[in-house]
Amino acid sequence: MVKWQTQYKTTGLQVVGITYPPTNAAAVRRFARRMKVNYPILYGSESTKKLFEQTETLPVTVIIDRKGRIVERIDGVIFPDEFDAKIKPILK
């Protein structure tokens, strides 16, 4: 996600991470620094999870278009071919 955010931010990509289960702020900051995260990370909750997720598989990638509509959902790790097929087409 870090690589894609860097590469495609000028074409409209905005990655937003959401923690789940919620964890403490210090642990999230350490993780973000260690992984060089270049996008916002929000703290999720059970109600946040219910907005996007109907299974126990994590991570989940939810693709939201420019109009705010959920257009795709990928359960588990997202691979480059999925990014190319499902995200690139909706970028500017």
N, C-alpha and C. Protein backbone atom coordinates (compact mmCIF):
# COMPACT_ATOMS: atom_id res chain seq x y z
N MET A 1 0.82 -1.19 0.00
CA MET A 1 0.00 0.00 0.00
C MET A 1 0.87 1.26 0.00
N VAL A 2 1.97 1.22 0.72
CA VAL A 2 2.88 2.37 0.78
C VAL A 2 3.39 2.68 -0.63
N LYS A 3 3.82 1.66 -1.32
CA LYS A 3 4.35 1.85 -2.68
C LYS A 3 3.27 2.40 -3.61
N TRP A 4 2.08 1.84 -3.55
CA TRP A 4 1.00 2.29 -4.43
C TRP A 4 0.58 3.72 -4.09
N GLN A 5 0.54 4.06 -2.80
CA GLN A 5 0.19 5.43 -2.42
C GLN A 5 1.19 6.42 -3.00
N THR A 6 2.46 6.09 -2.93
CA THR A 6 3.49 6.96 -3.50
C THR A 6 3.35 7.06 -5.01
N GLN A 7 3.18 5.93 -5.65
CA GLN A 7 3.17 5.89 -7.11
C GLN A 7 1.91 6.51 -7.73
N TYR A 8 0.76 6.37 -7.07
CA TYR A 8 -0.50 6.76 -7.71
C TYR A 8 -1.22 7.92 -7.03
N LYS A 9 -0.60 8.57 -6.06
CA LYS A 9 -1.29 9.67 -5.36
C LYS A 9 -1.66 10.80 -6.32
N THR A 10 -0.85 11.05 -7.32
CA THR A 10 -1.16 12.15 -8.25
C THR A 10 -2.29 11.81 -9.20
N THR A 11 -2.69 10.54 -9.26
CA THR A 11 -3.81 10.15 -10.11
C THR A 11 -5.07 9.91 -9.31
N GLY A 12 -5.03 10.26 -8.03
CA GLY A 12 -6.24 10.19 -7.22
C GLY A 12 -6.30 9.10 -6.17
N LEU A 13 -5.29 8.29 -6.06
CA LEU A 13 -5.33 7.24 -5.05
C LEU A 13 -5.13 7.83 -3.66
N GLN A 14 -5.97 7.46 -2.73
CA GLN A 14 -5.77 7.80 -1.33
C GLN A 14 -6.03 6.54 -0.51
N VAL A 15 -4.97 5.99 0.03
CA VAL A 15 -5.08 4.83 0.91
C VAL A 15 -5.38 5.36 2.30
N VAL A 16 -6.28 4.69 3.00
CA VAL A 16 -6.57 4.98 4.40
C VAL A 16 -6.57 3.65 5.13
N GLY A 17 -5.73 3.53 6.14
CA GLY A 17 -5.69 2.32 6.94
C GLY A 17 -6.61 2.46 8.14
N ILE A 18 -7.22 1.36 8.53
CA ILE A 18 -8.07 1.35 9.72
C ILE A 18 -7.63 0.17 10.57
N THR A 19 -7.25 0.45 11.82
CA THR A 19 -6.82 -0.62 12.70
C THR A 19 -8.02 -1.44 13.15
N TYR A 20 -7.81 -2.72 13.28
CA TYR A 20 -8.83 -3.60 13.87
C TYR A 20 -8.15 -4.88 14.27
N PRO A 21 -8.27 -5.34 15.46
CA PRO A 21 -9.00 -4.66 16.53
C PRO A 21 -8.27 -3.40 16.95
N PRO A 22 -9.00 -2.49 17.60
CA PRO A 22 -8.35 -1.27 18.06
C PRO A 22 -7.14 -1.60 18.93
N THR A 23 -6.16 -0.76 18.86
CA THR A 23 -4.94 -0.94 19.65
C THR A 23 -4.54 0.42 20.19
N ASN A 24 -3.49 0.46 20.96
CA ASN A 24 -3.12 1.75 21.54
C ASN A 24 -2.36 2.61 20.53
N ALA A 25 -2.44 3.91 20.73
CA ALA A 25 -1.87 4.87 19.78
C ALA A 25 -0.37 4.71 19.64
N ALA A 26 0.33 4.45 20.72
CA ALA A 26 1.79 4.31 20.65
C ALA A 26 2.18 3.13 19.76
N ALA A 27 1.48 2.02 19.88
CA ALA A 27 1.78 0.84 19.05
C ALA A 27 1.52 1.13 17.57
N VAL A 28 0.45 1.85 17.30
CA VAL A 28 0.13 2.20 15.91
C VAL A 28 1.21 3.12 15.34
N ARG A 29 1.63 4.12 16.11
CA ARG A 29 2.68 5.04 15.64
C ARG A 29 3.99 4.29 15.39
N ARG A 30 4.35 3.38 16.28
CA ARG A 30 5.58 2.59 16.08
C ARG A 30 5.49 1.77 14.80
N PHE A 31 4.38 1.12 14.61
CA PHE A 31 4.17 0.32 13.40
C PHE A 31 4.27 1.20 12.15
N ALA A 32 3.60 2.35 12.17
CA ALA A 32 3.60 3.24 11.01
C ALA A 32 5.00 3.74 10.69
N ARG A 33 5.76 4.08 11.71
CA ARG A 33 7.15 4.53 11.47
C ARG A 33 8.00 3.40 10.93
N ARG A 34 7.88 2.23 11.54
CA ARG A 34 8.69 1.08 11.11
C ARG A 34 8.38 0.68 9.67
N MET A 35 7.12 0.75 9.29
CA MET A 35 6.71 0.35 7.94
C MET A 35 6.72 1.52 6.95
N LYS A 36 7.09 2.71 7.44
CA LYS A 36 7.14 3.93 6.61
C LYS A 36 5.80 4.21 5.94
N VAL A 37 4.73 4.08 6.72
CA VAL A 37 3.38 4.30 6.22
C VAL A 37 3.23 5.76 5.81
N ASN A 38 2.74 6.00 4.61
CA ASN A 38 2.60 7.34 4.06
C ASN A 38 1.14 7.72 3.82
N TYR A 39 0.25 7.13 4.58
CA TYR A 39 -1.17 7.41 4.47
C TYR A 39 -1.77 7.43 5.88
N PRO A 40 -2.94 8.04 6.04
CA PRO A 40 -3.55 8.11 7.37
C PRO A 40 -3.98 6.74 7.89
N ILE A 41 -3.87 6.58 9.19
CA ILE A 41 -4.36 5.37 9.85
C ILE A 41 -5.37 5.80 10.91
N LEU A 42 -6.55 5.23 10.83
CA LEU A 42 -7.64 5.54 11.76
C LEU A 42 -7.83 4.35 12.69
N TYR A 43 -8.45 4.61 13.83
CA TYR A 43 -8.75 3.54 14.78
C TYR A 43 -10.14 3.00 14.53
N GLY A 44 -10.21 1.71 14.25
CA GLY A 44 -11.48 1.08 13.97
C GLY A 44 -12.14 0.55 15.23
N SER A 45 -13.39 0.17 15.08
CA SER A 45 -14.17 -0.41 16.17
C SER A 45 -15.02 -1.52 15.58
N GLU A 46 -15.73 -2.20 16.41
CA GLU A 46 -16.63 -3.24 15.93
C GLU A 46 -17.66 -2.65 14.96
N SER A 47 -18.17 -1.46 15.26
CA SER A 47 -19.16 -0.85 14.36
C SER A 47 -18.52 -0.43 13.04
N THR A 48 -17.27 0.01 13.07
CA THR A 48 -16.56 0.33 11.83
C THR A 48 -16.41 -0.92 10.98
N LYS A 49 -16.01 -2.00 11.61
CA LYS A 49 -15.81 -3.27 10.90
C LYS A 49 -17.11 -3.71 10.22
N LYS A 50 -18.23 -3.53 10.89
CA LYS A 50 -19.51 -3.96 10.33
C LYS A 50 -19.90 -3.17 9.09
N LEU A 51 -19.35 -1.96 8.92
CA LEU A 51 -19.66 -1.17 7.73
C LEU A 51 -19.12 -1.82 6.46
N PHE A 52 -18.01 -2.53 6.59
CA PHE A 52 -17.32 -3.04 5.41
C PHE A 52 -17.18 -4.55 5.36
N GLU A 53 -17.26 -5.21 6.45
CA GLU A 53 -16.80 -6.59 6.57
C GLU A 53 -17.90 -7.52 7.02
N GLN A 54 -18.11 -8.61 6.31
CA GLN A 54 -19.07 -9.62 6.74
C GLN A 54 -18.41 -10.95 7.07
N THR A 55 -17.09 -11.03 6.96
CA THR A 55 -16.38 -12.26 7.31
C THR A 55 -15.32 -11.93 8.34
N GLU A 56 -14.61 -12.92 8.78
CA GLU A 56 -13.53 -12.72 9.74
C GLU A 56 -12.17 -12.57 9.07
N THR A 57 -12.12 -12.62 7.74
CA THR A 57 -10.87 -12.50 7.01
C THR A 57 -10.32 -11.08 7.15
N LEU A 58 -9.07 -10.98 7.50
CA LEU A 58 -8.37 -9.70 7.55
C LEU A 58 -7.03 -9.87 6.86
N PRO A 59 -6.50 -8.91 6.17
CA PRO A 59 -7.07 -7.59 5.97
C PRO A 59 -8.18 -7.60 4.93
N VAL A 60 -8.89 -6.51 4.87
CA VAL A 60 -9.91 -6.30 3.86
C VAL A 60 -9.58 -5.00 3.15
N THR A 61 -9.63 -5.00 1.84
CA THR A 61 -9.44 -3.79 1.06
C THR A 61 -10.80 -3.41 0.51
N VAL A 62 -11.23 -2.20 0.85
CA VAL A 62 -12.50 -1.68 0.35
C VAL A 62 -12.15 -0.55 -0.62
N ILE A 63 -12.61 -0.66 -1.83
CA ILE A 63 -12.32 0.33 -2.86
C ILE A 63 -13.53 1.24 -3.00
N ILE A 64 -13.29 2.52 -2.75
CA ILE A 64 -14.36 3.52 -2.79
C ILE A 64 -14.03 4.49 -3.92
N ASP A 65 -14.99 4.71 -4.80
CA ASP A 65 -14.74 5.60 -5.93
C ASP A 65 -14.86 7.07 -5.52
N ARG A 66 -14.66 7.95 -6.48
CA ARG A 66 -14.67 9.40 -6.21
C ARG A 66 -16.03 9.91 -5.74
N LYS A 67 -17.07 9.15 -6.00
CA LYS A 67 -18.41 9.56 -5.56
C LYS A 67 -18.77 8.98 -4.20
N GLY A 68 -17.82 8.27 -3.59
CA GLY A 68 -18.06 7.71 -2.26
C GLY A 68 -18.75 6.36 -2.26
N ARG A 69 -18.85 5.73 -3.41
CA ARG A 69 -19.51 4.42 -3.51
C ARG A 69 -18.49 3.30 -3.35
N ILE A 70 -18.88 2.27 -2.62
CA ILE A 70 -18.05 1.07 -2.53
C ILE A 70 -18.21 0.33 -3.84
N VAL A 71 -17.09 0.18 -4.57
CA VAL A 71 -17.16 -0.46 -5.88
C VAL A 71 -16.54 -1.85 -5.90
N GLU A 72 -15.76 -2.15 -4.89
CA GLU A 72 -15.09 -3.45 -4.85
C GLU A 72 -14.62 -3.73 -3.44
N ARG A 73 -14.49 -4.99 -3.14
CA ARG A 73 -13.98 -5.42 -1.85
C ARG A 73 -13.10 -6.64 -2.07
N ILE A 74 -11.92 -6.62 -1.46
CA ILE A 74 -10.99 -7.73 -1.62
C ILE A 74 -10.68 -8.26 -0.22
N ASP A 75 -11.04 -9.50 0.03
CA ASP A 75 -10.74 -10.14 1.30
C ASP A 75 -9.34 -10.72 1.25
N GLY A 76 -8.54 -10.44 2.29
CA GLY A 76 -7.18 -10.93 2.34
C GLY A 76 -6.22 -9.94 1.70
N VAL A 77 -5.01 -10.37 1.54
CA VAL A 77 -3.96 -9.51 0.97
C VAL A 77 -4.29 -9.18 -0.48
N ILE A 78 -4.08 -7.93 -0.87
CA ILE A 78 -4.30 -7.52 -2.25
C ILE A 78 -2.99 -7.69 -3.02
N PHE A 79 -3.09 -8.33 -4.17
CA PHE A 79 -1.93 -8.60 -5.00
C PHE A 79 -1.85 -7.60 -6.15
N PRO A 80 -0.68 -7.43 -6.74
CA PRO A 80 -0.52 -6.46 -7.81
C PRO A 80 -1.50 -6.64 -8.98
N ASP A 81 -1.79 -7.87 -9.35
CA ASP A 81 -2.73 -8.07 -10.46
C ASP A 81 -4.14 -7.61 -10.09
N GLU A 82 -4.53 -7.77 -8.82
CA GLU A 82 -5.83 -7.27 -8.37
C GLU A 82 -5.85 -5.75 -8.38
N PHE A 83 -4.75 -5.14 -7.94
CA PHE A 83 -4.64 -3.68 -7.97
C PHE A 83 -4.81 -3.19 -9.41
N ASP A 84 -4.09 -3.82 -10.33
CA ASP A 84 -4.17 -3.41 -11.73
C ASP A 84 -5.57 -3.57 -12.30
N ALA A 85 -6.26 -4.62 -11.92
CA ALA A 85 -7.59 -4.90 -12.48
C ALA A 85 -8.69 -4.11 -11.80
N LYS A 86 -8.58 -3.85 -10.50
CA LYS A 86 -9.70 -3.29 -9.77
C LYS A 86 -9.53 -1.85 -9.30
N ILE A 87 -8.31 -1.40 -9.16
CA ILE A 87 -8.10 -0.04 -8.65
C ILE A 87 -7.64 0.90 -9.76
N LYS A 88 -6.67 0.50 -10.53
CA LYS A 88 -6.16 1.37 -11.59
C LYS A 88 -7.24 1.92 -12.51
N PRO A 89 -8.24 1.11 -12.90
CA PRO A 89 -9.26 1.64 -13.81
C PRO A 89 -10.07 2.82 -13.25
N ILE A 90 -10.18 2.95 -11.95
CA ILE A 90 -10.97 4.07 -11.42
C ILE A 90 -10.13 5.29 -11.06
N LEU A 91 -8.82 5.20 -11.26
CA LEU A 91 -7.96 6.34 -11.02
C LEU A 91 -8.06 7.30 -12.20
N LYS A 92 -7.79 8.56 -11.97
CA LYS A 92 -7.87 9.60 -13.00
C LYS A 92 -6.92 9.33 -14.14
